[in-house]
Amino acid sequence: MRYTKYKKIYKVSLFGPNDEWRVNAASQYRIPGSSVTNGKTCRFNLNGAFNDIILSKNARLILESAFFPSVANVSSYINTRIVTSSEDKVFDTVKQTSGNPLLVTFAGLNQIIYNNSELFYNFNVPSTFLSKGYIDIQVECPSAINSITFTGNALDNFFLTFVIVDEDDEEINDPNIAQTVEYKNYGRLGMPIRTPLT
């Protein structure tokens, strides 16, 4: 049998005015144990564009660009998280949890970020990431002293653009593209090894 990597790329752009929870006060949240509102969850409807897409276990989300506008009472950095599970191990000391991986941190306001490398701002996403029909994003200011109002037009200029790169093995018969895989060369865990098993 012969295998090669088959790559698919999906591009997604999310813009602040299209947040379905733009005016929903319940989408905001507080610093644990505090009365200070410091974050918001935004929901972006994919309008059925990717409902039929089931990603492989190799799919990765890679940031292309992002902008965070000036928002009242935000005086320091802003964390942006994608609300999803990930096969990557994720942990931060603020959340004390392994969920919702951090995508990008804005050092200040009115800051735009361009990413030109697959090595940065990327992580694994589950097979259902696109097919569930929406993407949730969390924005938060962990060091907020006063409550922040993220609803209304506060985040209208916020945007994220990213690509999902999905590479999966595809069986082919063309000897010019891929070498024959000999299963005796696979170890006990199903991983290829450099020398045949004896």
C-alpha atoms as a PDB file:
ATOM      1  CA  MET A   1       0.000   0.000   0.000  1.00  0.00           C
ATOM      2  CA  ARG A   2       1.130   3.563  -0.673  1.00  0.00           C
ATOM      3  CA  TYR A   3       0.161   6.660   1.298  1.00  0.00           C
ATOM      4  CA  THR A   4       0.680  10.374   0.917  1.00  0.00           C
ATOM      5  CA  LYS A   5      -0.392  13.420   2.907  1.00  0.00           C
ATOM      6  CA  TYR A   6      -3.581  15.004   1.591  1.00  0.00           C
ATOM      7  CA  LYS A   7      -3.931  18.612   2.710  1.00  0.00           C
ATOM      8  CA  LYS A   8      -7.113  20.668   2.957  1.00  0.00           C
ATOM      9  CA  ILE A   9      -7.272  24.290   4.097  1.00  0.00           C
ATOM     10  CA  TYR A  10     -10.326  26.114   5.438  1.00  0.00           C
ATOM     11  CA  LYS A  11     -10.234  29.894   5.915  1.00  0.00           C
ATOM     12  CA  VAL A  12     -12.390  31.592   8.555  1.00  0.00           C
ATOM     13  CA  SER A  13     -12.844  35.311   9.292  1.00  0.00           C
ATOM     14  CA  LEU A  14     -14.703  36.502  12.400  1.00  0.00           C
ATOM     15  CA  PHE A  15     -15.756  40.149  12.821  1.00  0.00           C
ATOM     16  CA  GLY A  16     -17.021  41.860  15.980  1.00  0.00           C
ATOM     17  CA  PRO A  17     -20.349  43.182  14.614  1.00  0.00           C
ATOM     18  CA  ASN A  18     -21.344  39.596  13.719  1.00  0.00           C
ATOM     19  CA  ASP A  19     -21.109  38.336  17.298  1.00  0.00           C
ATOM     20  CA  GLU A  20     -24.526  36.772  17.965  1.00  0.00           C
ATOM     21  CA  TRP A  21     -24.161  37.698  21.642  1.00  0.00           C
ATOM     22  CA  ARG A  22     -23.083  41.281  20.896  1.00  0.00           C
ATOM     23  CA  VAL A  23     -25.765  42.835  23.133  1.00  0.00           C
ATOM     24  CA  ASN A  24     -26.222  39.892  25.494  1.00  0.00           C
ATOM     25  CA  ALA A  25     -25.099  40.929  28.992  1.00  0.00           C
ATOM     26  CA  ALA A  26     -25.122  37.261  30.055  1.00  0.00           C
ATOM     27  CA  SER A  27     -22.204  36.618  27.684  1.00  0.00           C
ATOM     28  CA  GLN A  28     -19.926  38.658  29.972  1.00  0.00           C
ATOM     29  CA  TYR A  29     -18.206  37.072  32.971  1.00  0.00           C
ATOM     30  CA  ARG A  30     -16.233  38.046  36.071  1.00  0.00           C
ATOM     31  CA  ILE A  31     -12.889  37.382  37.670  1.00  0.00           C
ATOM     32  CA  PRO A  32     -13.464  34.400  40.002  1.00  0.00           C
ATOM     33  CA  GLY A  33     -14.298  35.625  43.516  1.00  0.00           C
ATOM     34  CA  SER A  34     -14.652  39.228  42.355  1.00  0.00           C
ATOM     35  CA  SER A  35     -17.381  41.638  41.280  1.00  0.00           C
ATOM     36  CA  VAL A  36     -15.219  42.916  38.405  1.00  0.00           C
ATOM     37  CA  THR A  37     -16.459  41.964  34.912  1.00  0.00           C
ATOM     38  CA  ASN A  38     -13.363  41.207  32.879  1.00  0.00           C
ATOM     39  CA  GLY A  39     -14.372  38.960  29.975  1.00  0.00           C
ATOM     40  CA  LYS A  40     -16.904  38.071  27.319  1.00  0.00           C
ATOM     41  CA  THR A  41     -17.769  35.080  25.148  1.00  0.00           C
ATOM     42  CA  CYS A  42     -18.558  35.917  21.513  1.00  0.00           C
ATOM     43  CA  ARG A  43     -20.435  33.473  19.283  1.00  0.00           C
ATOM     44  CA  PHE A  44     -19.957  33.543  15.516  1.00  0.00           C
ATOM     45  CA  ASN A  45     -22.443  31.607  13.369  1.00  0.00           C
ATOM     46  CA  LEU A  46     -20.840  29.810  10.412  1.00  0.00           C
ATOM     47  CA  ASN A  47     -24.168  29.837   8.551  1.00  0.00           C
ATOM     48  CA  GLY A  48     -23.893  26.173   7.571  1.00  0.00           C
ATOM     49  CA  ALA A  49     -20.713  26.725   5.536  1.00  0.00           C
ATOM     50  CA  PHE A  50     -18.821  23.835   7.156  1.00  0.00           C
ATOM     51  CA  ASN A  51     -21.599  21.588   8.484  1.00  0.00           C
ATOM     52  CA  ASP A  52     -20.377  18.678   6.359  1.00  0.00           C
ATOM     53  CA  ILE A  53     -16.714  18.981   7.380  1.00  0.00           C
ATOM     54  CA  ILE A  54     -15.295  16.322   9.687  1.00  0.00           C
ATOM     55  CA  LEU A  55     -11.646  17.075  10.367  1.00  0.00           C
ATOM     56  CA  SER A  56      -8.903  14.521  10.913  1.00  0.00           C
ATOM     57  CA  LYS A  57      -6.965  14.202  14.163  1.00  0.00           C
ATOM     58  CA  ASN A  58      -4.149  16.185  12.501  1.00  0.00           C
ATOM     59  CA  ALA A  59      -6.190  19.386  11.986  1.00  0.00           C
ATOM     60  CA  ARG A  60      -4.619  22.573  13.340  1.00  0.00           C
ATOM     61  CA  LEU A  61      -5.939  26.112  13.700  1.00  0.00           C
ATOM     62  CA  ILE A  62      -3.386  28.765  12.691  1.00  0.00           C
ATOM     63  CA  LEU A  63      -3.923  32.480  13.296  1.00  0.00           C
ATOM     64  CA  GLU A  64      -3.485  34.728  10.236  1.00  0.00           C
ATOM     65  CA  SER A  65      -4.321  38.144  11.685  1.00  0.00           C
ATOM     66  CA  ALA A  66      -6.154  39.754  14.581  1.00  0.00           C
ATOM     67  CA  PHE A  67      -7.093  43.198  15.873  1.00  0.00           C
ATOM     68  CA  PHE A  68      -8.304  44.290  19.287  1.00  0.00           C
ATOM     69  CA  PRO A  69      -9.812  47.801  19.551  1.00  0.00           C
ATOM     70  CA  SER A  70      -9.779  50.318  22.367  1.00  0.00           C
ATOM     71  CA  VAL A  71     -12.326  49.368  25.048  1.00  0.00           C
ATOM     72  CA  ALA A  72     -13.102  51.470  28.132  1.00  0.00           C
ATOM     73  CA  ASN A  73     -11.476  50.259  31.397  1.00  0.00           C
ATOM     74  CA  VAL A  74      -9.043  47.978  29.578  1.00  0.00           C
ATOM     75  CA  SER A  75      -5.621  49.268  30.558  1.00  0.00           C
ATOM     76  CA  SER A  76      -3.421  46.228  29.973  1.00  0.00           C
ATOM     77  CA  TYR A  77      -3.167  43.046  27.939  1.00  0.00           C
ATOM     78  CA  ILE A  78      -6.076  41.047  26.510  1.00  0.00           C
ATOM     79  CA  ASN A  79      -6.173  37.258  26.205  1.00  0.00           C
ATOM     80  CA  THR A  80      -8.163  35.667  23.387  1.00  0.00           C
ATOM     81  CA  ARG A  81      -9.201  32.030  23.670  1.00  0.00           C
ATOM     82  CA  ILE A  82     -10.952  29.633  21.308  1.00  0.00           C
ATOM     83  CA  VAL A  83     -13.698  27.765  23.175  1.00  0.00           C
ATOM     84  CA  THR A  84     -12.942  24.196  22.175  1.00  0.00           C
ATOM     85  CA  SER A  85     -11.278  21.061  23.412  1.00  0.00           C
ATOM     86  CA  SER A  86      -7.841  20.292  22.076  1.00  0.00           C
ATOM     87  CA  GLU A  87      -5.669  17.202  21.959  1.00  0.00           C
ATOM     88  CA  ASP A  88      -2.778  19.509  22.823  1.00  0.00           C
ATOM     89  CA  LYS A  89      -2.114  19.667  26.554  1.00  0.00           C
ATOM     90  CA  VAL A  90      -3.180  23.152  27.698  1.00  0.00           C
ATOM     91  CA  PHE A  91      -2.787  24.756  31.115  1.00  0.00           C
ATOM     92  CA  ASP A  92      -2.564  28.245  32.529  1.00  0.00           C
ATOM     93  CA  THR A  93      -2.297  29.377  36.142  1.00  0.00           C
ATOM     94  CA  VAL A  94      -5.171  31.883  35.853  1.00  0.00           C
ATOM     95  CA  LYS A  95      -7.809  29.411  34.717  1.00  0.00           C
ATOM     96  CA  GLN A  96      -6.330  26.421  36.592  1.00  0.00           C
ATOM     97  CA  THR A  97      -7.835  24.230  33.905  1.00  0.00           C
ATOM     98  CA  SER A  98      -6.906  22.442  30.718  1.00  0.00           C
ATOM     99  CA  GLY A  99      -9.726  23.859  28.585  1.00  0.00           C
ATOM    100  CA  ASN A 100     -10.129  26.732  26.117  1.00  0.00           C
ATOM    101  CA  PRO A 101      -6.629  27.149  24.686  1.00  0.00           C
ATOM    102  CA  LEU A 102      -5.147  30.643  24.482  1.00  0.00           C
ATOM    103  CA  LEU A 103      -4.833  31.702  20.837  1.00  0.00           C
ATOM    104  CA  VAL A 104      -3.245  35.134  21.117  1.00  0.00           C
ATOM    105  CA  THR A 105      -2.458  37.847  23.674  1.00  0.00           C
ATOM    106  CA  PHE A 106      -2.708  41.500  22.701  1.00  0.00           C
ATOM    107  CA  ALA A 107      -0.091  43.551  24.570  1.00  0.00           C
ATOM    108  CA  GLY A 108      -2.253  46.664  24.369  1.00  0.00           C
ATOM    109  CA  LEU A 109      -5.271  48.221  22.693  1.00  0.00           C
ATOM    110  CA  ASN A 110      -5.706  49.107  19.019  1.00  0.00           C
ATOM    111  CA  GLN A 111      -3.145  46.432  18.243  1.00  0.00           C
ATOM    112  CA  ILE A 112      -3.056  44.382  15.073  1.00  0.00           C
ATOM    113  CA  ILE A 113      -1.187  41.092  14.788  1.00  0.00           C
ATOM    114  CA  TYR A 114      -0.050  39.417  11.581  1.00  0.00           C
ATOM    115  CA  ASN A 115       1.213  35.865  11.751  1.00  0.00           C
ATOM    116  CA  ASN A 116       3.401  34.620   8.901  1.00  0.00           C
ATOM    117  CA  SER A 117       4.513  31.309  10.342  1.00  0.00           C
ATOM    118  CA  GLU A 118       2.784  27.993  10.983  1.00  0.00           C
ATOM    119  CA  LEU A 119       5.001  27.631  14.051  1.00  0.00           C
ATOM    120  CA  PHE A 120       3.217  30.319  16.071  1.00  0.00           C
ATOM    121  CA  TYR A 121      -0.368  30.954  17.205  1.00  0.00           C
ATOM    122  CA  ASN A 122      -1.583  27.472  16.413  1.00  0.00           C
ATOM    123  CA  PHE A 123      -3.003  24.410  18.137  1.00  0.00           C
ATOM    124  CA  ASN A 124      -4.830  21.173  17.462  1.00  0.00           C
ATOM    125  CA  VAL A 125      -8.627  21.294  17.032  1.00  0.00           C
ATOM    126  CA  PRO A 126     -11.120  18.402  17.320  1.00  0.00           C
ATOM    127  CA  SER A 127     -12.781  16.711  14.352  1.00  0.00           C
ATOM    128  CA  THR A 128     -16.103  18.505  15.026  1.00  0.00           C
ATOM    129  CA  PHE A 129     -14.636  22.020  15.345  1.00  0.00           C
ATOM    130  CA  LEU A 130     -16.149  23.310  12.073  1.00  0.00           C
ATOM    131  CA  SER A 131     -19.180  21.029  11.787  1.00  0.00           C
ATOM    132  CA  LYS A 132     -20.911  22.245  14.974  1.00  0.00           C
ATOM    133  CA  GLY A 133     -22.025  25.377  13.080  1.00  0.00           C
ATOM    134  CA  TYR A 134     -20.484  28.130  15.216  1.00  0.00           C
ATOM    135  CA  ILE A 135     -17.244  29.247  16.841  1.00  0.00           C
ATOM    136  CA  ASP A 136     -17.066  30.712  20.342  1.00  0.00           C
ATOM    137  CA  ILE A 137     -14.280  33.138  21.260  1.00  0.00           C
ATOM    138  CA  GLN A 138     -13.449  34.458  24.741  1.00  0.00           C
ATOM    139  CA  VAL A 139     -11.794  37.840  25.239  1.00  0.00           C
ATOM    140  CA  GLU A 140     -10.669  38.787  28.727  1.00  0.00           C
ATOM    141  CA  CYS A 141      -8.481  41.203  30.649  1.00  0.00           C
ATOM    142  CA  PRO A 142      -7.088  39.188  33.601  1.00  0.00           C
ATOM    143  CA  SER A 143      -5.677  42.275  35.349  1.00  0.00           C
ATOM    144  CA  ALA A 144      -8.869  44.376  35.182  1.00  0.00           C
ATOM    145  CA  ILE A 145      -9.389  46.682  38.177  1.00  0.00           C
ATOM    146  CA  ASN A 146     -12.767  48.104  37.093  1.00  0.00           C
ATOM    147  CA  SER A 147     -15.605  46.304  35.321  1.00  0.00           C
ATOM    148  CA  ILE A 148     -15.401  46.316  31.533  1.00  0.00           C
ATOM    149  CA  THR A 149     -18.432  46.562  29.260  1.00  0.00           C
ATOM    150  CA  PHE A 150     -17.756  44.385  26.225  1.00  0.00           C
ATOM    151  CA  THR A 151     -21.356  44.414  24.929  1.00  0.00           C
ATOM    152  CA  GLY A 152     -22.882  46.836  22.429  1.00  0.00           C
ATOM    153  CA  ASN A 153     -20.450  48.360  19.944  1.00  0.00           C
ATOM    154  CA  ALA A 154     -17.354  47.949  22.161  1.00  0.00           C
ATOM    155  CA  LEU A 155     -15.971  45.082  20.048  1.00  0.00           C
ATOM    156  CA  ASP A 156     -17.246  46.186  16.629  1.00  0.00           C
ATOM    157  CA  ASN A 157     -13.704  46.631  15.306  1.00  0.00           C
ATOM    158  CA  PHE A 158     -12.425  43.347  16.759  1.00  0.00           C
ATOM    159  CA  PHE A 159     -11.560  40.637  14.244  1.00  0.00           C
ATOM    160  CA  LEU A 160      -9.759  37.301  13.939  1.00  0.00           C
ATOM    161  CA  THR A 161      -8.795  35.538  10.718  1.00  0.00           C
ATOM    162  CA  PHE A 162      -7.344  32.049  10.712  1.00  0.00           C
ATOM    163  CA  VAL A 163      -6.952  28.911   8.666  1.00  0.00           C
ATOM    164  CA  ILE A 164      -7.626  25.303   9.582  1.00  0.00           C
ATOM    165  CA  VAL A 165      -4.958  23.100   8.009  1.00  0.00           C
ATOM    166  CA  ASP A 166      -5.964  19.451   7.865  1.00  0.00           C
ATOM    167  CA  GLU A 167      -3.497  16.814   6.751  1.00  0.00           C
ATOM    168  CA  ASP A 168      -4.623  13.233   6.478  1.00  0.00           C
ATOM    169  CA  ASP A 169      -3.149  10.073   5.032  1.00  0.00           C
ATOM    170  CA  GLU A 170      -4.612   9.129   1.656  1.00  0.00           C
ATOM    171  CA  GLU A 171      -4.018   5.790  -0.033  1.00  0.00           C
ATOM    172  CA  ILE A 172      -2.736   6.068  -3.617  1.00  0.00           C
ATOM    173  CA  ASN A 173      -1.311   3.702  -6.226  1.00  0.00           C
ATOM    174  CA  ASP A 174       1.175   6.049  -7.923  1.00  0.00           C
ATOM    175  CA  PRO A 175       4.751   4.838  -7.121  1.00  0.00           C
ATOM    176  CA  ASN A 176       6.139   8.217  -8.232  1.00  0.00           C
ATOM    177  CA  ILE A 177       4.353  10.029  -5.391  1.00  0.00           C
ATOM    178  CA  ALA A 178       4.646   7.698  -2.418  1.00  0.00           C
ATOM    179  CA  GLN A 179       6.688   4.711  -1.375  1.00  0.00           C
ATOM    180  CA  THR A 180       5.097   1.371  -0.522  1.00  0.00           C
ATOM    181  CA  VAL A 181       4.338   0.974   3.189  1.00  0.00           C
ATOM    182  CA  GLU A 182       5.439  -2.405   4.516  1.00  0.00           C
ATOM    183  CA  TYR A 183       3.443  -3.137   7.649  1.00  0.00           C
ATOM    184  CA  LYS A 184       6.255  -5.304   9.048  1.00  0.00           C
ATOM    185  CA  ASN A 185       8.148  -2.022   9.429  1.00  0.00           C
ATOM    186  CA  TYR A 186       5.574  -0.748  11.903  1.00  0.00           C
ATOM    187  CA  GLY A 187       6.186  -1.114  15.619  1.00  0.00           C
ATOM    188  CA  ARG A 188       3.871  -2.332  18.351  1.00  0.00           C
ATOM    189  CA  LEU A 189       2.206   1.132  18.637  1.00  0.00           C
ATOM    190  CA  GLY A 190       1.540   1.463  14.918  1.00  0.00           C
ATOM    191  CA  MET A 191       4.326   4.016  14.396  1.00  0.00           C
ATOM    192  CA  PRO A 192       6.838   3.666  11.530  1.00  0.00           C
ATOM    193  CA  ILE A 193      10.356   2.743  12.533  1.00  0.00           C
ATOM    194  CA  ARG A 194      13.589   3.123  10.594  1.00  0.00           C
ATOM    195  CA  THR A 195      14.570  -0.542  10.509  1.00  0.00           C
ATOM    196  CA  PRO A 196      12.342  -3.579   9.909  1.00  0.00           C
ATOM    197  CA  LEU A 197      11.222  -5.683  12.832  1.00  0.00           C
ATOM    198  CA  THR A 198      12.853  -9.093  12.913  1.00  0.00           C
END
